[in-house]
Amino acid sequence: MNLVLASRSSARRALLEAAGVRIEPDPADLDEAVFKGRLVSEGADARAVAQALAGQKALVVSGRRPGELVLGADQTLELDGTIYDKAASLDEARARLKLFSGRTHCLHSGVALARDGQLVWTTVDTARMTVRDLSDPFIAGYLLANQDAAQSAVGGYWLEGQGAQLFAHVEGDYFTVLGLPLLPLLAELRRSGALPS
């Protein structure tokens, strides 16, 4: 069976395909800022926001794909109780990296499966990311070489690239850092019969 991926994320697509899961992308086109803003105003924490966004993306696409299994995923970054979005500029990315320097932030990766407009499974996993002390010259060089990551990834880094140089310690699952708790997802797909066990 094909799994419908309610996302444009090339990283999530690559992870699933590398694991042998056939997918068909069908982005949810959800206004994430509005949805996230509402959740935060209602008191949702960063973990709950990641899980709710993943579920909402799956539900939106599931509503137009009857009978098909739809995967939604999302990730939030939290430092000291504050949720951070992708940097809107390189200057903002620079300020963000200075803020993260020498500190530990959390990446919360939510994933959900929906069928026929109903959530059938959801989970969220957290990785703790300890950034080493970063010098201003290092940050400048990093941003010059990694402009795409700086503005397209929520933390300003791709761990699978030069972003690995930002960290002193990572506690948690590698796939969770990349934005998809892959192992729990594969276990659920096997349990539900969507993948052979």
N, C-alpha and C. Protein backbone atom coordinates (compact mmCIF):
# COMPACT_ATOMS: atom_id res chain seq x y z
N MET A 1 0.83 -1.19 0.00
CA MET A 1 0.00 0.00 0.00
C MET A 1 0.87 1.25 0.00
N ASN A 2 0.35 2.32 -0.53
CA ASN A 2 1.02 3.61 -0.45
C ASN A 2 0.55 4.35 0.78
N LEU A 3 1.47 5.04 1.40
CA LEU A 3 1.16 5.92 2.51
C LEU A 3 1.13 7.33 1.95
N VAL A 4 0.10 8.08 2.26
CA VAL A 4 0.01 9.47 1.81
C VAL A 4 0.74 10.34 2.83
N LEU A 5 1.69 11.14 2.36
CA LEU A 5 2.46 12.02 3.22
C LEU A 5 1.92 13.44 3.10
N ALA A 6 1.35 13.94 4.18
CA ALA A 6 0.72 15.27 4.18
C ALA A 6 1.77 16.35 4.41
N SER A 7 2.79 16.37 3.56
CA SER A 7 3.91 17.26 3.78
C SER A 7 4.70 17.47 2.50
N ARG A 8 5.39 18.61 2.41
CA ARG A 8 6.33 18.87 1.32
C ARG A 8 7.77 18.53 1.74
N SER A 9 7.96 18.09 2.97
CA SER A 9 9.30 17.89 3.52
C SER A 9 10.08 16.84 2.75
N SER A 10 11.16 17.27 2.12
CA SER A 10 12.01 16.32 1.40
C SER A 10 12.75 15.42 2.38
N ALA A 11 13.06 15.92 3.59
CA ALA A 11 13.75 15.11 4.58
C ALA A 11 12.86 13.95 5.05
N ARG A 12 11.60 14.24 5.34
CA ARG A 12 10.69 13.17 5.78
C ARG A 12 10.47 12.16 4.66
N ARG A 13 10.30 12.67 3.47
CA ARG A 13 10.11 11.78 2.31
C ARG A 13 11.32 10.87 2.15
N ALA A 14 12.52 11.43 2.23
CA ALA A 14 13.74 10.63 2.07
C ALA A 14 13.86 9.58 3.16
N LEU A 15 13.52 9.94 4.41
CA LEU A 15 13.59 8.97 5.51
C LEU A 15 12.65 7.80 5.27
N LEU A 16 11.42 8.10 4.86
CA LEU A 16 10.44 7.04 4.63
C LEU A 16 10.84 6.15 3.46
N GLU A 17 11.25 6.77 2.37
CA GLU A 17 11.64 5.98 1.19
C GLU A 17 12.87 5.13 1.47
N ALA A 18 13.83 5.68 2.22
CA ALA A 18 15.03 4.90 2.57
C ALA A 18 14.68 3.70 3.44
N ALA A 19 13.61 3.83 4.24
CA ALA A 19 13.16 2.73 5.09
C ALA A 19 12.28 1.74 4.34
N GLY A 20 12.04 1.99 3.05
CA GLY A 20 11.25 1.06 2.24
C GLY A 20 9.76 1.30 2.28
N VAL A 21 9.34 2.49 2.72
CA VAL A 21 7.91 2.82 2.77
C VAL A 21 7.57 3.61 1.51
N ARG A 22 6.64 3.09 0.72
CA ARG A 22 6.21 3.82 -0.47
C ARG A 22 5.24 4.91 -0.05
N ILE A 23 5.52 6.11 -0.55
CA ILE A 23 4.67 7.24 -0.15
C ILE A 23 4.22 8.02 -1.38
N GLU A 24 3.13 8.73 -1.18
CA GLU A 24 2.63 9.67 -2.17
C GLU A 24 2.45 11.01 -1.46
N PRO A 25 3.25 12.02 -1.81
CA PRO A 25 3.11 13.32 -1.16
C PRO A 25 1.80 14.01 -1.55
N ASP A 26 1.15 14.60 -0.57
CA ASP A 26 -0.05 15.41 -0.79
C ASP A 26 -0.08 16.44 0.35
N PRO A 27 0.64 17.57 0.17
CA PRO A 27 0.78 18.54 1.27
C PRO A 27 -0.55 19.06 1.78
N ALA A 28 -0.60 19.27 3.09
CA ALA A 28 -1.83 19.72 3.74
C ALA A 28 -2.15 21.18 3.47
N ASP A 29 -1.15 22.00 3.20
CA ASP A 29 -1.36 23.43 2.99
C ASP A 29 -2.15 24.05 4.14
N LEU A 30 -1.78 23.69 5.34
CA LEU A 30 -2.39 24.22 6.56
C LEU A 30 -1.73 25.55 6.92
N ASP A 31 -2.50 26.52 7.36
CA ASP A 31 -1.93 27.77 7.84
C ASP A 31 -1.40 27.51 9.25
N GLU A 32 -0.14 27.05 9.28
CA GLU A 32 0.45 26.61 10.54
C GLU A 32 0.56 27.73 11.57
N ALA A 33 0.87 28.93 11.12
CA ALA A 33 1.05 30.04 12.07
C ALA A 33 -0.24 30.32 12.83
N VAL A 34 -1.36 30.32 12.11
CA VAL A 34 -2.65 30.58 12.76
C VAL A 34 -3.01 29.44 13.70
N PHE A 35 -2.86 28.21 13.22
CA PHE A 35 -3.20 27.04 14.04
C PHE A 35 -2.32 26.98 15.29
N LYS A 36 -1.01 27.19 15.10
CA LYS A 36 -0.07 27.16 16.22
C LYS A 36 -0.38 28.29 17.20
N GLY A 37 -0.67 29.47 16.67
CA GLY A 37 -0.99 30.61 17.52
C GLY A 37 -2.19 30.34 18.41
N ARG A 38 -3.21 29.70 17.83
CA ARG A 38 -4.40 29.37 18.61
C ARG A 38 -4.06 28.37 19.73
N LEU A 39 -3.27 27.35 19.39
CA LEU A 39 -2.89 26.35 20.39
C LEU A 39 -2.11 26.99 21.54
N VAL A 40 -1.15 27.85 21.20
CA VAL A 40 -0.34 28.49 22.23
C VAL A 40 -1.20 29.41 23.10
N SER A 41 -2.13 30.14 22.47
CA SER A 41 -3.00 31.04 23.24
C SER A 41 -3.91 30.26 24.19
N GLU A 42 -4.16 28.99 23.85
CA GLU A 42 -4.97 28.13 24.72
C GLU A 42 -4.14 27.41 25.78
N GLY A 43 -2.82 27.69 25.78
CA GLY A 43 -1.95 27.12 26.81
C GLY A 43 -1.22 25.86 26.44
N ALA A 44 -1.24 25.45 25.18
CA ALA A 44 -0.54 24.23 24.77
C ALA A 44 0.97 24.44 24.86
N ASP A 45 1.66 23.40 25.34
CA ASP A 45 3.12 23.48 25.38
C ASP A 45 3.71 23.00 24.04
N ALA A 46 5.02 23.05 23.92
CA ALA A 46 5.67 22.75 22.64
C ALA A 46 5.43 21.32 22.19
N ARG A 47 5.42 20.36 23.11
CA ARG A 47 5.14 18.96 22.74
C ARG A 47 3.73 18.83 22.18
N ALA A 48 2.78 19.43 22.88
CA ALA A 48 1.38 19.35 22.44
C ALA A 48 1.18 20.03 21.09
N VAL A 49 1.89 21.13 20.86
CA VAL A 49 1.78 21.83 19.58
C VAL A 49 2.29 20.95 18.44
N ALA A 50 3.43 20.29 18.63
CA ALA A 50 3.97 19.41 17.59
C ALA A 50 3.00 18.28 17.28
N GLN A 51 2.43 17.68 18.31
CA GLN A 51 1.50 16.57 18.12
C GLN A 51 0.21 17.04 17.46
N ALA A 52 -0.31 18.18 17.88
CA ALA A 52 -1.55 18.70 17.30
C ALA A 52 -1.36 19.10 15.84
N LEU A 53 -0.24 19.72 15.52
CA LEU A 53 0.03 20.10 14.12
C LEU A 53 0.14 18.86 13.23
N ALA A 54 0.83 17.84 13.72
CA ALA A 54 0.93 16.59 12.95
C ALA A 54 -0.45 16.00 12.71
N GLY A 55 -1.26 15.96 13.76
CA GLY A 55 -2.61 15.42 13.63
C GLY A 55 -3.48 16.23 12.69
N GLN A 56 -3.40 17.54 12.77
CA GLN A 56 -4.23 18.39 11.91
C GLN A 56 -3.85 18.23 10.44
N LYS A 57 -2.55 18.14 10.17
CA LYS A 57 -2.11 17.93 8.78
C LYS A 57 -2.66 16.61 8.24
N ALA A 58 -2.57 15.56 9.05
CA ALA A 58 -3.09 14.25 8.62
C ALA A 58 -4.60 14.32 8.38
N LEU A 59 -5.32 15.01 9.26
CA LEU A 59 -6.77 15.11 9.12
C LEU A 59 -7.18 15.89 7.88
N VAL A 60 -6.50 17.00 7.61
CA VAL A 60 -6.83 17.82 6.44
C VAL A 60 -6.74 16.99 5.16
N VAL A 61 -5.64 16.27 5.01
CA VAL A 61 -5.45 15.49 3.78
C VAL A 61 -6.35 14.26 3.79
N SER A 62 -6.54 13.65 4.94
CA SER A 62 -7.40 12.47 5.03
C SER A 62 -8.83 12.77 4.59
N GLY A 63 -9.29 13.98 4.85
CA GLY A 63 -10.64 14.37 4.46
C GLY A 63 -10.87 14.34 2.97
N ARG A 64 -9.80 14.47 2.19
CA ARG A 64 -9.94 14.45 0.73
C ARG A 64 -9.39 13.17 0.10
N ARG A 65 -8.97 12.21 0.95
CA ARG A 65 -8.40 10.95 0.46
C ARG A 65 -9.09 9.77 1.14
N PRO A 66 -10.38 9.54 0.84
CA PRO A 66 -11.12 8.48 1.54
C PRO A 66 -10.46 7.11 1.39
N GLY A 67 -10.44 6.39 2.52
CA GLY A 67 -9.92 5.03 2.53
C GLY A 67 -8.41 4.92 2.60
N GLU A 68 -7.71 6.04 2.44
CA GLU A 68 -6.25 5.99 2.43
C GLU A 68 -5.68 6.35 3.79
N LEU A 69 -4.50 5.79 4.07
CA LEU A 69 -3.80 6.09 5.31
C LEU A 69 -2.91 7.30 5.07
N VAL A 70 -3.08 8.34 5.90
CA VAL A 70 -2.38 9.61 5.72
C VAL A 70 -1.49 9.88 6.92
N LEU A 71 -0.25 10.26 6.63
CA LEU A 71 0.74 10.58 7.65
C LEU A 71 0.95 12.08 7.73
N GLY A 72 0.81 12.63 8.93
CA GLY A 72 1.14 14.03 9.19
C GLY A 72 2.29 14.08 10.19
N ALA A 73 3.16 15.07 10.04
CA ALA A 73 4.28 15.21 10.96
C ALA A 73 4.61 16.69 11.14
N ASP A 74 5.12 17.02 12.31
CA ASP A 74 5.58 18.38 12.55
C ASP A 74 6.57 18.37 13.70
N GLN A 75 7.32 19.47 13.79
CA GLN A 75 8.36 19.57 14.81
C GLN A 75 8.35 20.97 15.41
N THR A 76 8.55 21.04 16.71
CA THR A 76 8.71 22.33 17.38
C THR A 76 10.04 22.34 18.11
N LEU A 77 10.57 23.55 18.29
CA LEU A 77 11.80 23.75 19.05
C LEU A 77 11.45 24.59 20.26
N GLU A 78 11.93 24.14 21.41
CA GLU A 78 11.62 24.82 22.68
C GLU A 78 12.89 25.09 23.45
N LEU A 79 13.02 26.30 23.92
CA LEU A 79 14.11 26.68 24.82
C LEU A 79 13.50 27.44 25.98
N ASP A 80 13.67 26.91 27.18
CA ASP A 80 13.16 27.55 28.40
C ASP A 80 11.68 27.90 28.30
N GLY A 81 10.90 26.99 27.73
CA GLY A 81 9.45 27.18 27.66
C GLY A 81 8.97 28.03 26.51
N THR A 82 9.88 28.59 25.70
CA THR A 82 9.50 29.40 24.54
C THR A 82 9.63 28.56 23.28
N ILE A 83 8.61 28.65 22.42
CA ILE A 83 8.63 27.94 21.14
C ILE A 83 9.21 28.88 20.08
N TYR A 84 10.17 28.35 19.32
CA TYR A 84 10.81 29.14 18.26
C TYR A 84 10.41 28.61 16.90
N ASP A 85 10.18 29.53 15.97
CA ASP A 85 9.88 29.19 14.58
C ASP A 85 11.16 29.32 13.75
N LYS A 86 11.06 28.98 12.48
CA LYS A 86 12.19 29.14 11.57
C LYS A 86 12.58 30.62 11.53
N ALA A 87 13.87 30.86 11.41
CA ALA A 87 14.36 32.24 11.32
C ALA A 87 13.91 32.85 10.00
N ALA A 88 13.46 34.08 10.05
CA ALA A 88 12.97 34.77 8.85
C ALA A 88 14.10 35.42 8.06
N SER A 89 15.29 35.52 8.65
CA SER A 89 16.42 36.16 7.98
C SER A 89 17.71 35.58 8.54
N LEU A 90 18.81 35.84 7.86
CA LEU A 90 20.11 35.39 8.37
C LEU A 90 20.47 36.13 9.66
N ASP A 91 20.06 37.38 9.77
CA ASP A 91 20.31 38.11 11.02
C ASP A 91 19.58 37.46 12.19
N GLU A 92 18.34 37.04 11.94
CA GLU A 92 17.59 36.35 13.00
C GLU A 92 18.23 35.00 13.31
N ALA A 93 18.71 34.30 12.29
CA ALA A 93 19.39 33.02 12.51
C ALA A 93 20.66 33.22 13.34
N ARG A 94 21.40 34.29 13.07
CA ARG A 94 22.61 34.60 13.83
C ARG A 94 22.26 34.84 15.31
N ALA A 95 21.24 35.64 15.54
CA ALA A 95 20.81 35.91 16.92
C ALA A 95 20.34 34.64 17.61
N ARG A 96 19.67 33.78 16.86
CA ARG A 96 19.18 32.52 17.42
C ARG A 96 20.34 31.62 17.83
N LEU A 97 21.34 31.50 16.95
CA LEU A 97 22.49 30.66 17.28
C LEU A 97 23.24 31.20 18.49
N LYS A 98 23.34 32.52 18.63
CA LYS A 98 23.97 33.11 19.81
C LYS A 98 23.16 32.78 21.07
N LEU A 99 21.84 32.81 20.94
CA LEU A 99 20.97 32.47 22.06
C LEU A 99 21.14 31.01 22.47
N PHE A 100 21.24 30.11 21.46
CA PHE A 100 21.37 28.68 21.74
C PHE A 100 22.75 28.30 22.27
N SER A 101 23.77 29.11 21.99
CA SER A 101 25.15 28.79 22.34
C SER A 101 25.30 28.46 23.82
N GLY A 102 25.87 27.28 24.09
CA GLY A 102 26.12 26.84 25.46
C GLY A 102 24.89 26.40 26.22
N ARG A 103 23.77 26.24 25.53
CA ARG A 103 22.50 25.90 26.19
C ARG A 103 21.88 24.65 25.55
N THR A 104 20.88 24.11 26.23
CA THR A 104 20.18 22.92 25.74
C THR A 104 18.76 23.28 25.36
N HIS A 105 18.39 22.94 24.13
CA HIS A 105 17.00 23.11 23.69
C HIS A 105 16.41 21.75 23.35
N CYS A 106 15.11 21.72 23.20
CA CYS A 106 14.41 20.46 22.89
C CYS A 106 13.76 20.55 21.52
N LEU A 107 13.87 19.48 20.77
CA LEU A 107 13.12 19.30 19.54
C LEU A 107 12.03 18.28 19.81
N HIS A 108 10.78 18.67 19.59
CA HIS A 108 9.64 17.77 19.76
C HIS A 108 9.11 17.42 18.38
N SER A 109 9.14 16.13 18.04
CA SER A 109 8.67 15.70 16.72
C SER A 109 7.39 14.88 16.89
N GLY A 110 6.30 15.41 16.33
CA GLY A 110 5.01 14.73 16.38
C GLY A 110 4.72 14.03 15.07
N VAL A 111 4.02 12.92 15.17
CA VAL A 111 3.61 12.18 13.98
C VAL A 111 2.22 11.62 14.23
N ALA A 112 1.40 11.58 13.17
CA ALA A 112 0.02 11.10 13.31
C ALA A 112 -0.39 10.37 12.04
N LEU A 113 -1.27 9.41 12.21
CA LEU A 113 -1.88 8.70 11.09
C LEU A 113 -3.39 8.92 11.14
N ALA A 114 -3.98 9.17 9.98
CA ALA A 114 -5.42 9.38 9.90
C ALA A 114 -5.98 8.58 8.73
N ARG A 115 -7.23 8.17 8.88
CA ARG A 115 -7.95 7.49 7.79
C ARG A 115 -9.40 7.94 7.85
N ASP A 116 -9.93 8.30 6.69
CA ASP A 116 -11.34 8.72 6.59
C ASP A 116 -11.69 9.85 7.57
N GLY A 117 -10.78 10.81 7.68
CA GLY A 117 -11.06 11.97 8.51
C GLY A 117 -10.98 11.75 10.00
N GLN A 118 -10.39 10.63 10.43
CA GLN A 118 -10.26 10.31 11.86
C GLN A 118 -8.81 9.97 12.18
N LEU A 119 -8.30 10.50 13.28
CA LEU A 119 -6.97 10.10 13.73
C LEU A 119 -7.02 8.66 14.22
N VAL A 120 -6.08 7.84 13.78
CA VAL A 120 -6.03 6.45 14.22
C VAL A 120 -4.81 6.17 15.10
N TRP A 121 -3.83 7.09 15.07
CA TRP A 121 -2.63 6.91 15.89
C TRP A 121 -1.84 8.21 15.90
N THR A 122 -1.23 8.51 17.04
CA THR A 122 -0.38 9.69 17.13
C THR A 122 0.62 9.51 18.26
N THR A 123 1.78 10.12 18.09
CA THR A 123 2.79 10.11 19.14
C THR A 123 3.70 11.31 18.96
N VAL A 124 4.47 11.60 19.98
CA VAL A 124 5.46 12.67 19.93
C VAL A 124 6.71 12.19 20.67
N ASP A 125 7.87 12.54 20.13
CA ASP A 125 9.13 12.16 20.76
C ASP A 125 9.99 13.41 20.89
N THR A 126 10.87 13.42 21.88
CA THR A 126 11.68 14.60 22.17
C THR A 126 13.16 14.25 22.15
N ALA A 127 13.96 15.13 21.54
CA ALA A 127 15.42 15.05 21.60
C ALA A 127 15.93 16.31 22.29
N ARG A 128 16.93 16.14 23.15
CA ARG A 128 17.55 17.27 23.84
C ARG A 128 18.88 17.58 23.15
N MET A 129 19.02 18.83 22.72
CA MET A 129 20.15 19.25 21.89
C MET A 129 21.00 20.27 22.66
N THR A 130 22.21 19.88 23.03
CA THR A 130 23.10 20.79 23.75
C THR A 130 24.09 21.41 22.77
N VAL A 131 23.96 22.71 22.58
CA VAL A 131 24.83 23.44 21.66
C VAL A 131 26.12 23.79 22.40
N ARG A 132 27.24 23.57 21.76
CA ARG A 132 28.53 23.94 22.38
C ARG A 132 28.64 25.47 22.39
N ASP A 133 29.62 25.98 23.09
CA ASP A 133 29.87 27.42 23.08
C ASP A 133 30.35 27.82 21.69
N LEU A 134 29.63 28.71 21.04
CA LEU A 134 29.93 29.11 19.67
C LEU A 134 30.55 30.51 19.65
N SER A 135 31.64 30.64 18.92
CA SER A 135 32.27 31.96 18.78
C SER A 135 31.56 32.73 17.66
N ASP A 136 31.65 34.04 17.70
CA ASP A 136 31.06 34.86 16.63
C ASP A 136 31.66 34.52 15.27
N PRO A 137 32.99 34.33 15.15
CA PRO A 137 33.53 33.97 13.83
C PRO A 137 33.01 32.60 13.34
N PHE A 138 32.84 31.65 14.26
CA PHE A 138 32.29 30.36 13.83
C PHE A 138 30.87 30.54 13.31
N ILE A 139 30.05 31.27 14.04
CA ILE A 139 28.66 31.49 13.62
C ILE A 139 28.63 32.16 12.25
N ALA A 140 29.47 33.16 12.03
CA ALA A 140 29.49 33.86 10.74
C ALA A 140 29.86 32.90 9.61
N GLY A 141 30.88 32.09 9.82
CA GLY A 141 31.29 31.12 8.80
C GLY A 141 30.23 30.05 8.57
N TYR A 142 29.63 29.59 9.65
CA TYR A 142 28.57 28.58 9.53
C TYR A 142 27.40 29.12 8.71
N LEU A 143 26.97 30.33 9.00
CA LEU A 143 25.83 30.91 8.28
C LEU A 143 26.16 31.16 6.82
N LEU A 144 27.38 31.55 6.53
CA LEU A 144 27.79 31.77 5.15
C LEU A 144 27.71 30.47 4.35
N ALA A 145 28.11 29.36 4.97
CA ALA A 145 28.13 28.07 4.28
C ALA A 145 26.80 27.33 4.33
N ASN A 146 25.89 27.74 5.21
CA ASN A 146 24.66 26.97 5.45
C ASN A 146 23.42 27.86 5.45
N GLN A 147 23.31 28.74 4.48
CA GLN A 147 22.18 29.67 4.44
C GLN A 147 20.84 28.96 4.31
N ASP A 148 20.78 27.90 3.51
CA ASP A 148 19.51 27.18 3.35
C ASP A 148 19.05 26.58 4.67
N ALA A 149 19.95 25.88 5.35
CA ALA A 149 19.60 25.28 6.63
C ALA A 149 19.22 26.34 7.66
N ALA A 150 19.96 27.46 7.63
CA ALA A 150 19.73 28.51 8.62
C ALA A 150 18.31 29.06 8.56
N GLN A 151 17.71 29.04 7.36
CA GLN A 151 16.37 29.62 7.23
C GLN A 151 15.27 28.60 6.95
N SER A 152 15.63 27.35 6.68
CA SER A 152 14.58 26.37 6.38
C SER A 152 14.37 25.36 7.49
N ALA A 153 15.30 25.28 8.43
CA ALA A 153 15.16 24.36 9.56
C ALA A 153 14.86 25.15 10.82
N VAL A 154 14.01 24.60 11.66
CA VAL A 154 13.52 25.34 12.82
C VAL A 154 14.65 25.79 13.74
N GLY A 155 15.73 25.02 13.84
CA GLY A 155 16.84 25.43 14.70
C GLY A 155 17.95 26.11 13.95
N GLY A 156 17.81 26.21 12.63
CA GLY A 156 18.86 26.81 11.83
C GLY A 156 19.95 25.83 11.45
N TYR A 157 19.68 24.54 11.59
CA TYR A 157 20.69 23.53 11.29
C TYR A 157 20.06 22.25 10.75
N TRP A 158 20.85 21.55 9.97
CA TRP A 158 20.56 20.18 9.57
C TRP A 158 21.62 19.33 10.25
N LEU A 159 21.22 18.50 11.19
CA LEU A 159 22.18 17.69 11.94
C LEU A 159 22.95 16.76 11.02
N GLU A 160 22.33 16.35 9.92
CA GLU A 160 22.98 15.43 8.99
C GLU A 160 24.03 16.13 8.12
N GLY A 161 24.21 17.42 8.30
CA GLY A 161 25.21 18.19 7.57
C GLY A 161 26.15 18.89 8.53
N GLN A 162 26.61 20.08 8.15
CA GLN A 162 27.55 20.82 8.99
C GLN A 162 26.93 21.27 10.31
N GLY A 163 25.62 21.18 10.42
CA GLY A 163 24.98 21.49 11.69
C GLY A 163 25.47 20.63 12.83
N ALA A 164 26.01 19.45 12.52
CA ALA A 164 26.55 18.59 13.56
C ALA A 164 27.66 19.29 14.35
N GLN A 165 28.34 20.25 13.71
CA GLN A 165 29.43 20.96 14.38
C GLN A 165 28.93 21.92 15.46
N LEU A 166 27.65 22.17 15.51
CA LEU A 166 27.10 23.08 16.52
C LEU A 166 26.99 22.44 17.90
N PHE A 167 27.04 21.12 17.96
CA PHE A 167 26.60 20.44 19.18
C PHE A 167 27.72 19.81 19.99
N ALA A 168 27.55 19.89 21.31
CA ALA A 168 28.41 19.20 22.25
C ALA A 168 27.81 17.84 22.61
N HIS A 169 26.47 17.78 22.61
CA HIS A 169 25.80 16.55 23.04
C HIS A 169 24.38 16.53 22.48
N VAL A 170 23.95 15.34 22.06
CA VAL A 170 22.57 15.14 21.60
C VAL A 170 22.02 13.94 22.35
N GLU A 171 20.87 14.14 22.98
CA GLU A 171 20.23 13.06 23.73
C GLU A 171 18.88 12.78 23.10
N GLY A 172 18.76 11.62 22.45
CA GLY A 172 17.50 11.27 21.81
C GLY A 172 17.74 10.59 20.49
N ASP A 173 16.64 10.26 19.85
CA ASP A 173 16.67 9.50 18.62
C ASP A 173 17.04 10.38 17.42
N TYR A 174 17.95 9.89 16.60
CA TYR A 174 18.41 10.63 15.43
C TYR A 174 17.26 11.00 14.50
N PHE A 175 16.34 10.07 14.26
CA PHE A 175 15.22 10.34 13.37
C PHE A 175 14.30 11.43 13.94
N THR A 176 14.17 11.45 15.25
CA THR A 176 13.38 12.50 15.90
C THR A 176 14.01 13.87 15.63
N VAL A 177 15.33 13.95 15.70
CA VAL A 177 16.03 15.20 15.41
C VAL A 177 15.72 15.64 13.98
N LEU A 178 15.65 14.69 13.05
CA LEU A 178 15.39 15.01 11.66
C LEU A 178 13.91 15.32 11.39
N GLY A 179 13.05 15.16 12.40
CA GLY A 179 11.66 15.59 12.27
C GLY A 179 10.64 14.48 12.08
N LEU A 180 11.05 13.23 12.29
CA LEU A 180 10.10 12.12 12.13
C LEU A 180 10.48 10.98 13.07
N PRO A 181 9.69 10.71 14.11
CA PRO A 181 9.97 9.56 14.98
C PRO A 181 9.72 8.26 14.21
N LEU A 182 10.71 7.88 13.43
CA LEU A 182 10.55 6.82 12.43
C LEU A 182 10.30 5.45 13.05
N LEU A 183 11.03 5.10 14.09
CA LEU A 183 10.90 3.74 14.63
C LEU A 183 9.51 3.49 15.22
N PRO A 184 8.94 4.39 16.04
CA PRO A 184 7.56 4.16 16.49
C PRO A 184 6.57 4.14 15.34
N LEU A 185 6.81 4.96 14.32
CA LEU A 185 5.92 4.97 13.16
C LEU A 185 5.96 3.63 12.43
N LEU A 186 7.15 3.10 12.19
CA LEU A 186 7.27 1.81 11.50
C LEU A 186 6.61 0.70 12.32
N ALA A 187 6.77 0.76 13.65
CA ALA A 187 6.13 -0.25 14.51
C ALA A 187 4.62 -0.18 14.37
N GLU A 188 4.05 1.03 14.32
CA GLU A 188 2.59 1.17 14.18
C GLU A 188 2.14 0.70 12.80
N LEU A 189 2.90 1.00 11.77
CA LEU A 189 2.53 0.55 10.42
C LEU A 189 2.55 -0.98 10.34
N ARG A 190 3.50 -1.62 11.02
CA ARG A 190 3.50 -3.09 11.06
C ARG A 190 2.32 -3.62 11.87
N ARG A 191 2.05 -2.98 13.01
CA ARG A 191 0.95 -3.42 13.88
C ARG A 191 -0.38 -3.35 13.17
N SER A 192 -0.54 -2.29 12.36
CA SER A 192 -1.82 -2.09 11.69
C SER A 192 -1.95 -2.87 10.38
N GLY A 193 -0.87 -3.55 9.98
CA GLY A 193 -0.91 -4.32 8.74
C GLY A 193 -0.54 -3.54 7.50
N ALA A 194 -0.16 -2.26 7.68
CA ALA A 194 0.23 -1.45 6.53
C ALA A 194 1.61 -1.84 6.01
N LEU A 195 2.43 -2.41 6.86
CA LEU A 195 3.73 -2.97 6.48
C LEU A 195 3.78 -4.40 6.96
N PRO A 196 4.51 -5.25 6.25
CA PRO A 196 4.63 -6.65 6.71
C PRO A 196 5.42 -6.74 8.01
N SER A 197 4.99 -7.64 8.86
CA SER A 197 5.71 -7.85 10.12
C SER A 197 6.59 -9.07 10.03
